Amino acid sequence: MAEFADAVALLPKQMKMAFRKISRGEARITLHHEGLNHLIRDIDKSSNRLSFSVITASIIVASSIIILSGKGPMLFDLPVFGLIGYVVAALLGLWILLGILRSGHL
């Protein structure tokens, strides 16, 4: 009980010191996190997959525009650059899909 009384008696003085440090900009807060590395790694993986997906979709759209234009060197009556874009997009899409399947998280 005496320890509690001492703590209560010191409380106003400690609060005054804390407020003084805060008003002077001298107060510091130290934060130590535990277990966030897993979350950071998962967010990094997700953002990489999303970026790859956007790039793959962009290649598909660009290739479709090239195909519809009908311009440039032709192969099977289709523009070669459009066909190359589709092949690259397919490979990137497979790479993304394999990465997702390997991780076990759809």
PDB file of N, CA and C in Angstrom:
ATOM      1  N   MET A   1       0.819  -1.190   0.000  1.00  0.00           N
ATOM      2  CA  MET A   1       0.000   0.000   0.000  1.00  0.00           C
ATOM      3  C   MET A   1       0.871   1.265   0.000  1.00  0.00           C
ATOM      4  N   ALA A   2       2.001   1.205   0.710  1.00  0.00           N
ATOM      5  CA  ALA A   2       2.895   2.352   0.779  1.00  0.00           C
ATOM      6  C   ALA A   2       3.495   2.650  -0.593  1.00  0.00           C
ATOM      7  N   GLU A   3       3.773   1.604  -1.399  1.00  0.00           N
ATOM      8  CA  GLU A   3       4.324   1.796  -2.742  1.00  0.00           C
ATOM      9  C   GLU A   3       3.309   2.517  -3.632  1.00  0.00           C
ATOM     10  N   PHE A   4       2.054   2.153  -3.484  1.00  0.00           N
ATOM     11  CA  PHE A   4       0.996   2.794  -4.261  1.00  0.00           C
ATOM     12  C   PHE A   4       0.888   4.273  -3.901  1.00  0.00           C
ATOM     13  N   ALA A   5       0.975   4.558  -2.620  1.00  0.00           N
ATOM     14  CA  ALA A   5       0.890   5.943  -2.160  1.00  0.00           C
ATOM     15  C   ALA A   5       2.065   6.751  -2.697  1.00  0.00           C
ATOM     16  N   ASP A   6       3.249   6.164  -2.718  1.00  0.00           N
ATOM     17  CA  ASP A   6       4.426   6.851  -3.263  1.00  0.00           C
ATOM     18  C   ASP A   6       4.265   7.119  -4.757  1.00  0.00           C
ATOM     19  N   ALA A   7       3.728   6.125  -5.470  1.00  0.00           N
ATOM     20  CA  ALA A   7       3.535   6.290  -6.910  1.00  0.00           C
ATOM     21  C   ALA A   7       2.525   7.389  -7.197  1.00  0.00           C
ATOM     22  N   VAL A   8       1.449   7.434  -6.428  1.00  0.00           N
ATOM     23  CA  VAL A   8       0.429   8.464  -6.607  1.00  0.00           C
ATOM     24  C   VAL A   8       0.998   9.833  -6.280  1.00  0.00           C
ATOM     25  N   ALA A   9       1.846   9.911  -5.247  1.00  0.00           N
ATOM     26  CA  ALA A   9       2.441  11.199  -4.870  1.00  0.00           C
ATOM     27  C   ALA A   9       3.388  11.712  -5.954  1.00  0.00           C
ATOM     28  N   LEU A  10       4.080  10.816  -6.642  1.00  0.00           N
ATOM     29  CA  LEU A  10       5.039  11.214  -7.681  1.00  0.00           C
ATOM     30  C   LEU A  10       4.366  11.475  -9.034  1.00  0.00           C
ATOM     31  N   LEU A  11       3.146  11.034  -9.195  1.00  0.00           N
ATOM     32  CA  LEU A  11       2.471  11.135 -10.486  1.00  0.00           C
ATOM     33  C   LEU A  11       2.362  12.569 -11.021  1.00  0.00           C
ATOM     34  N   PRO A  12       1.934  13.540 -10.238  1.00  0.00           N
ATOM     35  CA  PRO A  12       1.853  14.907 -10.791  1.00  0.00           C
ATOM     36  C   PRO A  12       3.209  15.442 -11.268  1.00  0.00           C
ATOM     37  N   LYS A  13       4.254  15.159 -10.530  1.00  0.00           N
ATOM     38  CA  LYS A  13       5.583  15.625 -10.903  1.00  0.00           C
ATOM     39  C   LYS A  13       6.044  14.946 -12.205  1.00  0.00           C
ATOM     40  N   GLN A  14       5.786  13.643 -12.319  1.00  0.00           N
ATOM     41  CA  GLN A  14       6.182  12.923 -13.518  1.00  0.00           C
ATOM     42  C   GLN A  14       5.382  13.397 -14.739  1.00  0.00           C
ATOM     43  N   MET A  15       4.098  13.675 -14.531  1.00  0.00           N
ATOM     44  CA  MET A  15       3.285  14.171 -15.636  1.00  0.00           C
ATOM     45  C   MET A  15       3.750  15.553 -16.079  1.00  0.00           C
ATOM     46  N   LYS A  16       4.122  16.392 -15.116  1.00  0.00           N
ATOM     47  CA  LYS A  16       4.608  17.733 -15.431  1.00  0.00           C
ATOM     48  C   LYS A  16       5.893  17.640 -16.259  1.00  0.00           C
ATOM     49  N   MET A  17       6.793  16.725 -15.863  1.00  0.00           N
ATOM     50  CA  MET A  17       8.039  16.537 -16.610  1.00  0.00           C
ATOM     51  C   MET A  17       7.756  16.016 -18.024  1.00  0.00           C
ATOM     52  N   ALA A  18       6.802  15.090 -18.135  1.00  0.00           N
ATOM     53  CA  ALA A  18       6.458  14.531 -19.446  1.00  0.00           C
ATOM     54  C   ALA A  18       5.885  15.604 -20.359  1.00  0.00           C
ATOM     55  N   PHE A  19       4.959  16.405 -19.849  1.00  0.00           N
ATOM     56  CA  PHE A  19       4.371  17.478 -20.662  1.00  0.00           C
ATOM     57  C   PHE A  19       5.418  18.507 -21.063  1.00  0.00           C
ATOM     58  N   ARG A  20       6.348  18.796 -20.179  1.00  0.00           N
ATOM     59  CA  ARG A  20       7.414  19.744 -20.497  1.00  0.00           C
ATOM     60  C   ARG A  20       8.268  19.205 -21.650  1.00  0.00           C
ATOM     61  N   LYS A  21       8.613  17.923 -21.610  1.00  0.00           N
ATOM     62  CA  LYS A  21       9.403  17.329 -22.691  1.00  0.00           C
ATOM     63  C   LYS A  21       8.634  17.327 -24.009  1.00  0.00           C
ATOM     64  N   ILE A  22       7.332  17.050 -23.934  1.00  0.00           N
ATOM     65  CA  ILE A  22       6.516  17.041 -25.144  1.00  0.00           C
ATOM     66  C   ILE A  22       6.457  18.437 -25.749  1.00  0.00           C
ATOM     67  N   SER A  23       6.263  19.458 -24.929  1.00  0.00           N
ATOM     68  CA  SER A  23       6.155  20.823 -25.440  1.00  0.00           C
ATOM     69  C   SER A  23       7.476  21.319 -26.015  1.00  0.00           C
ATOM     70  N   ARG A  24       8.590  20.828 -25.524  1.00  0.00           N
ATOM     71  CA  ARG A  24       9.906  21.206 -26.056  1.00  0.00           C
ATOM     72  C   ARG A  24      10.313  20.360 -27.260  1.00  0.00           C
ATOM     73  N   GLY A  25       9.559  19.323 -27.520  1.00  0.00           N
ATOM     74  CA  GLY A  25       9.903  18.431 -28.627  1.00  0.00           C
ATOM     75  C   GLY A  25      11.001  17.462 -28.261  1.00  0.00           C
ATOM     76  N   GLU A  26      11.178  17.218 -26.985  1.00  0.00           N
ATOM     77  CA  GLU A  26      12.240  16.325 -26.531  1.00  0.00           C
ATOM     78  C   GLU A  26      11.733  14.909 -26.255  1.00  0.00           C
ATOM     79  N   ALA A  27      10.448  14.728 -26.337  1.00  0.00           N
ATOM     80  CA  ALA A  27       9.888  13.410 -26.026  1.00  0.00           C
ATOM     81  C   ALA A  27      10.155  12.455 -27.179  1.00  0.00           C
ATOM     82  N   ARG A  28      10.481  11.241 -26.861  1.00  0.00           N
ATOM     83  CA  ARG A  28      10.736  10.211 -27.858  1.00  0.00           C
ATOM     84  C   ARG A  28       9.925   8.973 -27.495  1.00  0.00           C
ATOM     85  N   ILE A  29       9.412   8.358 -28.536  1.00  0.00           N
ATOM     86  CA  ILE A  29       8.679   7.110 -28.352  1.00  0.00           C
ATOM     87  C   ILE A  29       9.418   6.044 -29.136  1.00  0.00           C
ATOM     88  N   THR A  30       9.758   4.973 -28.476  1.00  0.00           N
ATOM     89  CA  THR A  30      10.436   3.865 -29.118  1.00  0.00           C
ATOM     90  C   THR A  30       9.440   2.732 -29.287  1.00  0.00           C
ATOM     91  N   LEU A  31       9.315   2.261 -30.513  1.00  0.00           N
ATOM     92  CA  LEU A  31       8.375   1.197 -30.825  1.00  0.00           C
ATOM     93  C   LEU A  31       9.157   0.007 -31.338  1.00  0.00           C
ATOM     94  N   HIS A  32       8.922  -1.115 -30.721  1.00  0.00           N
ATOM     95  CA  HIS A  32       9.584  -2.346 -31.145  1.00  0.00           C
ATOM     96  C   HIS A  32       8.508  -3.310 -31.614  1.00  0.00           C
ATOM     97  N   HIS A  33       8.571  -3.678 -32.887  1.00  0.00           N
ATOM     98  CA  HIS A  33       7.564  -4.597 -33.409  1.00  0.00           C
ATOM     99  C   HIS A  33       8.115  -6.013 -33.435  1.00  0.00           C
ATOM    100  N   GLU A  34       7.229  -6.953 -33.294  1.00  0.00           N
ATOM    101  CA  GLU A  34       7.601  -8.356 -33.390  1.00  0.00           C
ATOM    102  C   GLU A  34       6.637  -9.048 -34.338  1.00  0.00           C
ATOM    103  N   GLY A  35       7.174  -9.835 -35.214  1.00  0.00           N
ATOM    104  CA  GLY A  35       6.346 -10.641 -36.093  1.00  0.00           C
ATOM    105  C   GLY A  35       5.808  -9.930 -37.312  1.00  0.00           C
ATOM    106  N   LEU A  36       6.307  -8.745 -37.636  1.00  0.00           N
ATOM    107  CA  LEU A  36       5.816  -8.034 -38.818  1.00  0.00           C
ATOM    108  C   LEU A  36       6.588  -8.400 -40.084  1.00  0.00           C
ATOM    109  N   ASN A  37       7.712  -9.085 -39.926  1.00  0.00           N
ATOM    110  CA  ASN A  37       8.505  -9.448 -41.106  1.00  0.00           C
ATOM    111  C   ASN A  37       7.706 -10.337 -42.051  1.00  0.00           C
ATOM    112  N   HIS A  38       6.917 -11.243 -41.489  1.00  0.00           N
ATOM    113  CA  HIS A  38       6.081 -12.125 -42.309  1.00  0.00           C
ATOM    114  C   HIS A  38       5.069 -11.303 -43.097  1.00  0.00           C
ATOM    115  N   LEU A  39       4.452 -10.341 -42.442  1.00  0.00           N
ATOM    116  CA  LEU A  39       3.467  -9.482 -43.108  1.00  0.00           C
ATOM    117  C   LEU A  39       4.120  -8.644 -44.202  1.00  0.00           C
ATOM    118  N   ILE A  40       5.279  -8.096 -43.935  1.00  0.00           N
ATOM    119  CA  ILE A  40       6.007  -7.294 -44.924  1.00  0.00           C
ATOM    120  C   ILE A  40       6.352  -8.143 -46.142  1.00  0.00           C
ATOM    121  N   ARG A  41       6.792  -9.367 -45.910  1.00  0.00           N
ATOM    122  CA  ARG A  41       7.142 -10.271 -47.008  1.00  0.00           C
ATOM    123  C   ARG A  41       5.908 -10.601 -47.862  1.00  0.00           C
ATOM    124  N   ASP A  42       4.771 -10.838 -47.204  1.00  0.00           N
ATOM    125  CA  ASP A  42       3.542 -11.142 -47.936  1.00  0.00           C
ATOM    126  C   ASP A  42       3.063  -9.950 -48.758  1.00  0.00           C
ATOM    127  N   ILE A  43       3.145  -8.760 -48.200  1.00  0.00           N
ATOM    128  CA  ILE A  43       2.750  -7.561 -48.947  1.00  0.00           C
ATOM    129  C   ILE A  43       3.680  -7.348 -50.131  1.00  0.00           C
ATOM    130  N   ASP A  44       4.964  -7.606 -49.951  1.00  0.00           N
ATOM    131  CA  ASP A  44       5.931  -7.464 -51.035  1.00  0.00           C
ATOM    132  C   ASP A  44       5.626  -8.448 -52.171  1.00  0.00           C
ATOM    133  N   LYS A  45       5.328  -9.692 -51.806  1.00  0.00           N
ATOM    134  CA  LYS A  45       4.966 -10.689 -52.818  1.00  0.00           C
ATOM    135  C   LYS A  45       3.708 -10.267 -53.581  1.00  0.00           C
ATOM    136  N   SER A  46       2.717  -9.810 -52.834  1.00  0.00           N
ATOM    137  CA  SER A  46       1.453  -9.410 -53.459  1.00  0.00           C
ATOM    138  C   SER A  46       1.652  -8.242 -54.412  1.00  0.00           C
ATOM    139  N   SER A  47       2.433  -7.268 -54.000  1.00  0.00           N
ATOM    140  CA  SER A  47       2.654  -6.108 -54.866  1.00  0.00           C
ATOM    141  C   SER A  47       3.441  -6.501 -56.112  1.00  0.00           C
ATOM    142  N   ASN A  48       4.388  -7.425 -55.974  1.00  0.00           N
ATOM    143  CA  ASN A  48       5.127  -7.898 -57.152  1.00  0.00           C
ATOM    144  C   ASN A  48       4.204  -8.624 -58.122  1.00  0.00           C
ATOM    145  N   ARG A  49       3.328  -9.468 -57.589  1.00  0.00           N
ATOM    146  CA  ARG A  49       2.378 -10.190 -58.446  1.00  0.00           C
ATOM    147  C   ARG A  49       1.429  -9.223 -59.133  1.00  0.00           C
ATOM    148  N   LEU A  50       0.981  -8.242 -58.395  1.00  0.00           N
ATOM    149  CA  LEU A  50       0.068  -7.253 -58.981  1.00  0.00           C
ATOM    150  C   LEU A  50       0.764  -6.475 -60.091  1.00  0.00           C
ATOM    151  N   SER A  51       1.999  -6.078 -59.870  1.00  0.00           N
ATOM    152  CA  SER A  51       2.753  -5.355 -60.894  1.00  0.00           C
ATOM    153  C   SER A  51       2.935  -6.210 -62.143  1.00  0.00           C
ATOM    154  N   PHE A  52       3.302  -7.462 -61.951  1.00  0.00           N
ATOM    155  CA  PHE A  52       3.470  -8.373 -63.084  1.00  0.00           C
ATOM    156  C   PHE A  52       2.154  -8.544 -63.828  1.00  0.00           C
ATOM    157  N   SER A  53       1.060  -8.639 -63.090  1.00  0.00           N
ATOM    158  CA  SER A  53      -0.251  -8.803 -63.714  1.00  0.00           C
ATOM    159  C   SER A  53      -0.628  -7.587 -64.553  1.00  0.00           C
ATOM    160  N   VAL A  54      -0.352  -6.399 -64.032  1.00  0.00           N
ATOM    161  CA  VAL A  54      -0.658  -5.170 -64.779  1.00  0.00           C
ATOM    162  C   VAL A  54       0.195  -5.098 -66.044  1.00  0.00           C
ATOM    163  N   ILE A  55       1.455  -5.453 -65.941  1.00  0.00           N
ATOM    164  CA  ILE A  55       2.337  -5.447 -67.114  1.00  0.00           C
ATOM    165  C   ILE A  55       1.845  -6.459 -68.151  1.00  0.00           C
ATOM    166  N   THR A  56       1.463  -7.649 -67.678  1.00  0.00           N
ATOM    167  CA  THR A  56       0.955  -8.676 -68.588  1.00  0.00           C
ATOM    168  C   THR A  56      -0.317  -8.204 -69.285  1.00  0.00           C
ATOM    169  N   ALA A  57      -1.219  -7.606 -68.532  1.00  0.00           N
ATOM    170  CA  ALA A  57      -2.454  -7.088 -69.126  1.00  0.00           C
ATOM    171  C   ALA A  57      -2.156  -5.989 -70.139  1.00  0.00           C
ATOM    172  N   SER A  58      -1.183  -5.153 -69.836  1.00  0.00           N
ATOM    173  CA  SER A  58      -0.806  -4.078 -70.769  1.00  0.00           C
ATOM    174  C   SER A  58      -0.258  -4.643 -72.071  1.00  0.00           C
ATOM    175  N   ILE A  59       0.533  -5.698 -71.958  1.00  0.00           N
ATOM    176  CA  ILE A  59       1.085  -6.330 -73.163  1.00  0.00           C
ATOM    177  C   ILE A  59      -0.047  -6.934 -73.999  1.00  0.00           C
ATOM    178  N   ILE A  60      -1.029  -7.529 -73.335  1.00  0.00           N
ATOM    179  CA  ILE A  60      -2.168  -8.109 -74.058  1.00  0.00           C
ATOM    180  C   ILE A  60      -2.945  -7.016 -74.801  1.00  0.00           C
ATOM    181  N   VAL A  61      -3.197  -5.902 -74.121  1.00  0.00           N
ATOM    182  CA  VAL A  61      -3.934  -4.802 -74.755  1.00  0.00           C
ATOM    183  C   VAL A  61      -3.142  -4.243 -75.936  1.00  0.00           C
ATOM    184  N   ALA A  62      -1.848  -4.009 -75.737  1.00  0.00           N
ATOM    185  CA  ALA A  62      -1.013  -3.470 -76.817  1.00  0.00           C
ATOM    186  C   ALA A  62      -0.956  -4.439 -77.998  1.00  0.00           C
ATOM    187  N   SER A  63      -0.839  -5.713 -77.709  1.00  0.00           N
ATOM    188  CA  SER A  63      -0.791  -6.713 -78.781  1.00  0.00           C
ATOM    189  C   SER A  63      -2.106  -6.759 -79.536  1.00  0.00           C
ATOM    190  N   SER A  64      -3.207  -6.607 -78.825  1.00  0.00           N
ATOM    191  CA  SER A  64      -4.523  -6.598 -79.476  1.00  0.00           C
ATOM    192  C   SER A  64      -4.655  -5.402 -80.411  1.00  0.00           C
ATOM    193  N   ILE A  65      -4.158  -4.266 -79.974  1.00  0.00           N
ATOM    194  CA  ILE A  65      -4.199  -3.070 -80.833  1.00  0.00           C
ATOM    195  C   ILE A  65      -3.355  -3.287 -82.088  1.00  0.00           C
ATOM    196  N   ILE A  66      -2.193  -3.890 -81.900  1.00  0.00           N
ATOM    197  CA  ILE A  66      -1.327  -4.168 -83.056  1.00  0.00           C
ATOM    198  C   ILE A  66      -2.004  -5.146 -84.003  1.00  0.00           C
ATOM    199  N   ILE A  67      -2.619  -6.187 -83.464  1.00  0.00           N
ATOM    200  CA  ILE A  67      -3.315  -7.175 -84.291  1.00  0.00           C
ATOM    201  C   ILE A  67      -4.443  -6.502 -85.077  1.00  0.00           C
ATOM    202  N   LEU A  68      -5.222  -5.655 -84.400  1.00  0.00           N
ATOM    203  CA  LEU A  68      -6.342  -4.986 -85.058  1.00  0.00           C
ATOM    204  C   LEU A  68      -5.887  -3.991 -86.117  1.00  0.00           C
ATOM    205  N   SER A  69      -4.684  -3.448 -85.939  1.00  0.00           N
ATOM    206  CA  SER A  69      -4.191  -2.481 -86.923  1.00  0.00           C
ATOM    207  C   SER A  69      -3.873  -3.161 -88.254  1.00  0.00           C
ATOM    208  N   GLY A  70      -3.444  -4.408 -88.164  1.00  0.00           N
ATOM    209  CA  GLY A  70      -3.117  -5.141 -89.388  1.00  0.00           C
ATOM    210  C   GLY A  70      -1.896  -4.614 -90.103  1.00  0.00           C
ATOM    211  N   LYS A  71      -1.033  -3.897 -89.408  1.00  0.00           N
ATOM    212  CA  LYS A  71       0.148  -3.287 -90.029  1.00  0.00           C
ATOM    213  C   LYS A  71       1.412  -4.040 -89.604  1.00  0.00           C
ATOM    214  N   GLY A  72       2.448  -3.898 -90.402  1.00  0.00           N
ATOM    215  CA  GLY A  72       3.738  -4.478 -90.087  1.00  0.00           C
ATOM    216  C   GLY A  72       3.932  -5.829 -90.744  1.00  0.00           C
ATOM    217  N   PRO A  73       5.047  -6.472 -90.446  1.00  0.00           N
ATOM    218  CA  PRO A  73       5.303  -7.796 -91.022  1.00  0.00           C
ATOM    219  C   PRO A  73       4.211  -8.779 -90.582  1.00  0.00           C
ATOM    220  N   MET A  74       3.805  -9.646 -91.488  1.00  0.00           N
ATOM    221  CA  MET A  74       2.687 -10.547 -91.207  1.00  0.00           C
ATOM    222  C   MET A  74       3.161 -11.997 -91.126  1.00  0.00           C
ATOM    223  N   LEU A  75       2.483 -12.742 -90.271  1.00  0.00           N
ATOM    224  CA  LEU A  75       2.693 -14.184 -90.155  1.00  0.00           C
ATOM    225  C   LEU A  75       1.317 -14.791 -89.915  1.00  0.00           C
ATOM    226  N   PHE A  76       0.901 -15.714 -90.791  1.00  0.00           N
ATOM    227  CA  PHE A  76      -0.456 -16.281 -90.728  1.00  0.00           C
ATOM    228  C   PHE A  76      -1.515 -15.175 -90.825  1.00  0.00           C
ATOM    229  N   ASP A  77      -1.254 -14.195 -91.649  1.00  0.00           N
ATOM    230  CA  ASP A  77      -2.144 -13.043 -91.858  1.00  0.00           C
ATOM    231  C   ASP A  77      -2.369 -12.215 -90.594  1.00  0.00           C
ATOM    232  N   LEU A  78      -1.436 -12.279 -89.646  1.00  0.00           N
ATOM    233  CA  LEU A  78      -1.496 -11.477 -88.413  1.00  0.00           C
ATOM    234  C   LEU A  78      -0.163 -10.774 -88.226  1.00  0.00           C
ATOM    235  N   PRO A  79      -0.177  -9.550 -87.684  1.00  0.00           N
ATOM    236  CA  PRO A  79       1.084  -8.832 -87.450  1.00  0.00           C
ATOM    237  C   PRO A  79       1.991  -9.596 -86.468  1.00  0.00           C
ATOM    238  N   VAL A  80       3.255  -9.707 -86.848  1.00  0.00           N
ATOM    239  CA  VAL A  80       4.232 -10.471 -86.058  1.00  0.00           C
ATOM    240  C   VAL A  80       4.391  -9.878 -84.657  1.00  0.00           C
ATOM    241  N   PHE A  81       4.440  -8.550 -84.558  1.00  0.00           N
ATOM    242  CA  PHE A  81       4.649  -7.940 -83.249  1.00  0.00           C
ATOM    243  C   PHE A  81       3.479  -8.226 -82.295  1.00  0.00           C
ATOM    244  N   GLY A  82       2.293  -8.292 -82.839  1.00  0.00           N
ATOM    245  CA  GLY A  82       1.141  -8.650 -82.015  1.00  0.00           C
ATOM    246  C   GLY A  82       1.237 -10.081 -81.519  1.00  0.00           C
ATOM    247  N   LEU A  83       1.652 -10.987 -82.418  1.00  0.00           N
ATOM    248  CA  LEU A  83       1.811 -12.386 -82.022  1.00  0.00           C
ATOM    249  C   LEU A  83       2.914 -12.548 -80.971  1.00  0.00           C
ATOM    250  N   ILE A  84       4.012 -11.828 -81.160  1.00  0.00           N
ATOM    251  CA  ILE A  84       5.109 -11.881 -80.179  1.00  0.00           C
ATOM    252  C   ILE A  84       4.611 -11.374 -78.821  1.00  0.00           C
ATOM    253  N   GLY A  85       3.828 -10.311 -78.837  1.00  0.00           N
ATOM    254  CA  GLY A  85       3.276  -9.782 -77.591  1.00  0.00           C
ATOM    255  C   GLY A  85       2.394 -10.797 -76.883  1.00  0.00           C
ATOM    256  N   TYR A  86       1.559 -11.498 -77.650  1.00  0.00           N
ATOM    257  CA  TYR A  86       0.709 -12.534 -77.050  1.00  0.00           C
ATOM    258  C   TYR A  86       1.542 -13.655 -76.421  1.00  0.00           C
ATOM    259  N   VAL A  87       2.602 -14.048 -77.113  1.00  0.00           N
ATOM    260  CA  VAL A  87       3.464 -15.112 -76.581  1.00  0.00           C
ATOM    261  C   VAL A  87       4.146 -14.651 -75.292  1.00  0.00           C
ATOM    262  N   VAL A  88       4.664 -13.433 -75.298  1.00  0.00           N
ATOM    263  CA  VAL A  88       5.311 -12.891 -74.086  1.00  0.00           C
ATOM    264  C   VAL A  88       4.305 -12.794 -72.939  1.00  0.00           C
ATOM    265  N   ALA A  89       3.099 -12.312 -73.233  1.00  0.00           N
ATOM    266  CA  ALA A  89       2.058 -12.201 -72.200  1.00  0.00           C
ATOM    267  C   ALA A  89       1.680 -13.575 -71.667  1.00  0.00           C
ATOM    268  N   ALA A  90       1.602 -14.570 -72.557  1.00  0.00           N
ATOM    269  CA  ALA A  90       1.275 -15.926 -72.112  1.00  0.00           C
ATOM    270  C   ALA A  90       2.359 -16.468 -71.189  1.00  0.00           C
ATOM    271  N   LEU A  91       3.619 -16.241 -71.539  1.00  0.00           N
ATOM    272  CA  LEU A  91       4.724 -16.713 -70.690  1.00  0.00           C
ATOM    273  C   LEU A  91       4.713 -16.019 -69.326  1.00  0.00           C
ATOM    274  N   LEU A  92       4.498 -14.708 -69.331  1.00  0.00           N
ATOM    275  CA  LEU A  92       4.431 -13.981 -68.056  1.00  0.00           C
ATOM    276  C   LEU A  92       3.235 -14.445 -67.222  1.00  0.00           C
ATOM    277  N   GLY A  93       2.109 -14.681 -67.880  1.00  0.00           N
ATOM    278  CA  GLY A  93       0.935 -15.173 -67.171  1.00  0.00           C
ATOM    279  C   GLY A  93       1.176 -16.535 -66.541  1.00  0.00           C
ATOM    280  N   LEU A  94       1.846 -17.412 -67.284  1.00  0.00           N
ATOM    281  CA  LEU A  94       2.185 -18.726 -66.727  1.00  0.00           C
ATOM    282  C   LEU A  94       3.141 -18.599 -65.547  1.00  0.00           C
ATOM    283  N   TRP A  95       4.094 -17.675 -65.663  1.00  0.00           N
ATOM    284  CA  TRP A  95       5.052 -17.470 -64.579  1.00  0.00           C
ATOM    285  C   TRP A  95       4.330 -16.999 -63.316  1.00  0.00           C
ATOM    286  N   ILE A  96       3.407 -16.079 -63.471  1.00  0.00           N
ATOM    287  CA  ILE A  96       2.622 -15.599 -62.327  1.00  0.00           C
ATOM    288  C   ILE A  96       1.814 -16.740 -61.735  1.00  0.00           C
ATOM    289  N   LEU A  97       1.152 -17.509 -62.594  1.00  0.00           N
ATOM    290  CA  LEU A  97       0.326 -18.609 -62.132  1.00  0.00           C
ATOM    291  C   LEU A  97       1.146 -19.656 -61.396  1.00  0.00           C
ATOM    292  N   LEU A  98       2.310 -20.014 -61.931  1.00  0.00           N
ATOM    293  CA  LEU A  98       3.168 -20.981 -61.257  1.00  0.00           C
ATOM    294  C   LEU A  98       3.641 -20.463 -59.905  1.00  0.00           C
ATOM    295  N   GLY A  99       3.964 -19.172 -59.826  1.00  0.00           N
ATOM    296  CA  GLY A  99       4.378 -18.601 -58.554  1.00  0.00           C
ATOM    297  C   GLY A  99       3.272 -18.670 -57.522  1.00  0.00           C
ATOM    298  N   ILE A 100       2.058 -18.421 -57.948  1.00  0.00           N
ATOM    299  CA  ILE A 100       0.912 -18.489 -57.033  1.00  0.00           C
ATOM    300  C   ILE A 100       0.674 -19.927 -56.587  1.00  0.00           C
ATOM    301  N   LEU A 101       0.724 -20.856 -57.535  1.00  0.00           N
ATOM    302  CA  LEU A 101       0.494 -22.271 -57.196  1.00  0.00           C
ATOM    303  C   LEU A 101       1.606 -22.817 -56.293  1.00  0.00           C
ATOM    304  N   ARG A 102       2.854 -22.410 -56.530  1.00  0.00           N
ATOM    305  CA  ARG A 102       3.954 -22.860 -55.682  1.00  0.00           C
ATOM    306  C   ARG A 102       3.822 -22.361 -54.251  1.00  0.00           C
ATOM    307  N   SER A 103       3.320 -21.146 -54.104  1.00  0.00           N
ATOM    308  CA  SER A 103       3.194 -20.589 -52.754  1.00  0.00           C
ATOM    309  C   SER A 103       2.038 -21.240 -51.997  1.00  0.00           C
ATOM    310  N   GLY A 104       1.098 -21.829 -52.745  1.00  0.00           N
ATOM    311  CA  GLY A 104      -0.037 -22.477 -52.105  1.00  0.00           C
ATOM    312  C   GLY A 104      -1.126 -21.520 -51.674  1.00  0.00           C
ATOM    313  N   HIS A 105      -1.014 -20.253 -52.051  1.00  0.00           N
ATOM    314  CA  HIS A 105      -2.016 -19.234 -51.693  1.00  0.00           C
ATOM    315  C   HIS A 105      -2.634 -18.665 -52.951  1.00  0.00           C
ATOM    316  N   LEU A 106      -3.845 -19.081 -53.248  1.00  0.00           N
ATOM    317  CA  LEU A 106      -4.538 -18.555 -54.417  1.00  0.00           C
ATOM    318  C   LEU A 106      -5.143 -17.272 -54.103  1.00  0.00           C
TER     319      LEU A 106
END
